[in-house]
Amino acid sequence: MVETINVTELADLLHHDIQLIDVREPFEFNAAHIDGAVNLPLGDLAQWQTTLDRETTYYVICRSGRRSQLACEQLREAHFQAVNVAGGMIAWHDQGVDLHHAS
C-alpha cells in the first residue's frame, strides 16, 4: 500500500528540504507547477530511477492523484520511499496555494 498525504500536509512539508516529483507531462508542468518540484513524467520514470537515492523520501504529485499513485507503486516496487499527494494539482489549486506559472 502506498503512503498518502493531502495537499495541506504537502504545503507544510515544503518549508523543509523535501524532494517533490511532478509526474505530469512537460506541457502540463510548464503551464503551472509547485516551486521546487522536479518534472519526471510517468512514462520516463523508469529511466530516471538510476539517478534517484533510495535513502530519500520522494513526494509525488500529478494532476489528480492517479498518475502519482501509479508512480509511487513503481517506485516502491523498486525499493524507493514514495508518498502520493492525494488530489494532485487539482486539490492544490482548490486550496488556493501558490503556483509557479509560465511567463
Protein backbone atom coordinates (compact mmCIF):
# COMPACT_ATOMS: atom_id res chain seq x y z
CA MET A 1 0.00 0.00 0.00
CA VAL A 2 1.24 3.46 -0.90
CA GLU A 3 1.54 6.10 1.79
CA THR A 4 -0.59 9.16 1.01
CA ILE A 5 -0.71 12.75 2.23
CA ASN A 6 -3.06 15.60 1.34
CA VAL A 7 -2.10 18.95 -0.16
CA THR A 8 -2.29 20.74 3.19
CA GLU A 9 0.30 18.34 4.59
CA LEU A 10 2.44 18.86 1.48
CA ALA A 11 2.26 22.64 1.88
CA ASP A 12 3.59 22.26 5.44
CA LEU A 13 6.38 19.93 4.27
CA LEU A 14 7.53 22.39 1.61
CA HIS A 15 9.01 24.52 4.40
CA HIS A 16 11.59 21.73 4.74
CA ASP A 17 14.03 20.30 2.23
CA ILE A 18 11.89 17.66 0.51
CA GLN A 19 12.05 16.03 -2.90
CA LEU A 20 8.85 16.66 -4.87
CA ILE A 21 8.42 14.83 -8.18
CA ASP A 22 5.73 16.01 -10.59
CA VAL A 23 4.90 13.14 -12.96
CA ARG A 24 2.71 15.15 -15.34
CA GLU A 25 3.74 15.70 -18.94
CA PRO A 26 6.14 18.62 -19.60
CA PHE A 27 3.43 20.81 -21.16
CA GLU A 28 1.31 20.41 -18.01
CA PHE A 29 4.27 21.09 -15.72
CA ASN A 30 5.37 24.13 -17.74
CA ALA A 31 1.88 25.65 -17.57
CA ALA A 32 1.92 25.69 -13.75
CA HIS A 33 3.75 23.78 -11.04
CA ILE A 34 4.77 23.93 -7.40
CA ASP A 35 8.06 25.76 -6.86
CA GLY A 36 10.85 23.27 -6.23
CA ALA A 37 9.12 20.38 -7.99
CA VAL A 38 11.11 18.31 -10.49
CA ASN A 39 9.31 17.14 -13.63
CA LEU A 40 9.80 13.42 -14.26
CA PRO A 41 6.88 12.31 -16.45
CA LEU A 42 5.37 8.97 -15.50
CA GLY A 43 6.36 7.42 -18.84
CA ASP A 44 10.02 8.34 -18.24
CA LEU A 45 10.17 7.40 -14.56
CA ALA A 46 11.84 4.02 -15.06
CA GLN A 47 14.81 5.58 -16.85
CA TRP A 48 15.25 8.18 -14.09
CA GLN A 49 15.27 5.63 -11.27
CA THR A 50 19.01 5.15 -11.64
CA THR A 51 19.52 8.79 -10.61
CA LEU A 52 17.33 8.61 -7.51
CA ASP A 53 18.53 7.93 -3.96
CA ARG A 54 16.90 5.03 -2.12
CA GLU A 55 17.53 6.79 1.21
CA THR A 56 15.40 9.79 0.19
CA THR A 57 11.64 10.03 0.55
CA TYR A 58 10.02 11.27 -2.66
CA TYR A 59 6.68 13.06 -2.62
CA VAL A 60 4.88 12.50 -5.92
CA ILE A 61 2.17 14.67 -7.47
CA CYS A 62 0.25 14.78 -10.76
CA ARG A 63 -2.96 16.45 -11.93
CA SER A 64 -5.48 14.41 -9.93
CA GLY A 65 -3.53 11.78 -7.97
CA ARG A 66 -3.95 8.83 -10.35
CA ARG A 67 -0.60 9.02 -12.16
CA SER A 68 1.22 9.86 -8.95
CA GLN A 69 -0.33 6.76 -7.34
CA LEU A 70 1.00 4.63 -10.23
CA ALA A 71 4.40 6.31 -9.95
CA CYS A 72 4.53 5.62 -6.21
CA GLU A 73 3.69 1.97 -6.83
CA GLN A 74 6.52 1.73 -9.39
CA LEU A 75 8.98 3.46 -7.08
CA ARG A 76 8.05 1.29 -4.10
CA GLU A 77 8.41 -1.88 -6.20
CA ALA A 78 11.95 -0.67 -6.98
CA HIS A 79 12.56 -0.17 -3.22
CA PHE A 80 12.26 3.64 -3.13
CA GLN A 81 10.40 5.57 -0.45
CA ALA A 82 7.49 7.32 -2.19
CA VAL A 83 4.49 9.22 -0.86
CA ASN A 84 1.48 10.05 -3.04
CA VAL A 85 -0.09 13.52 -2.85
CA ALA A 86 -3.84 12.83 -2.90
CA GLY A 87 -5.91 15.01 -5.20
CA GLY A 88 -2.86 16.28 -7.05
CA MET A 89 -2.66 19.71 -8.61
CA ILE A 90 -6.45 19.97 -8.75
CA ALA A 91 -6.60 19.81 -4.95
CA TRP A 92 -3.56 22.11 -4.67
CA HIS A 93 -5.29 24.71 -6.85
CA ASP A 94 -8.56 24.32 -4.93
CA GLN A 95 -6.66 25.08 -1.69
CA GLY A 96 -5.51 28.35 -3.25
CA VAL A 97 -1.82 27.65 -2.68
CA ASP A 98 0.77 29.48 -4.80
CA LEU A 99 1.96 28.02 -8.08
CA HIS A 100 4.78 28.87 -10.43
CA HIS A 101 3.14 29.89 -13.73
CA ALA A 102 4.84 30.10 -17.11
CA SER A 103 5.60 33.66 -18.14
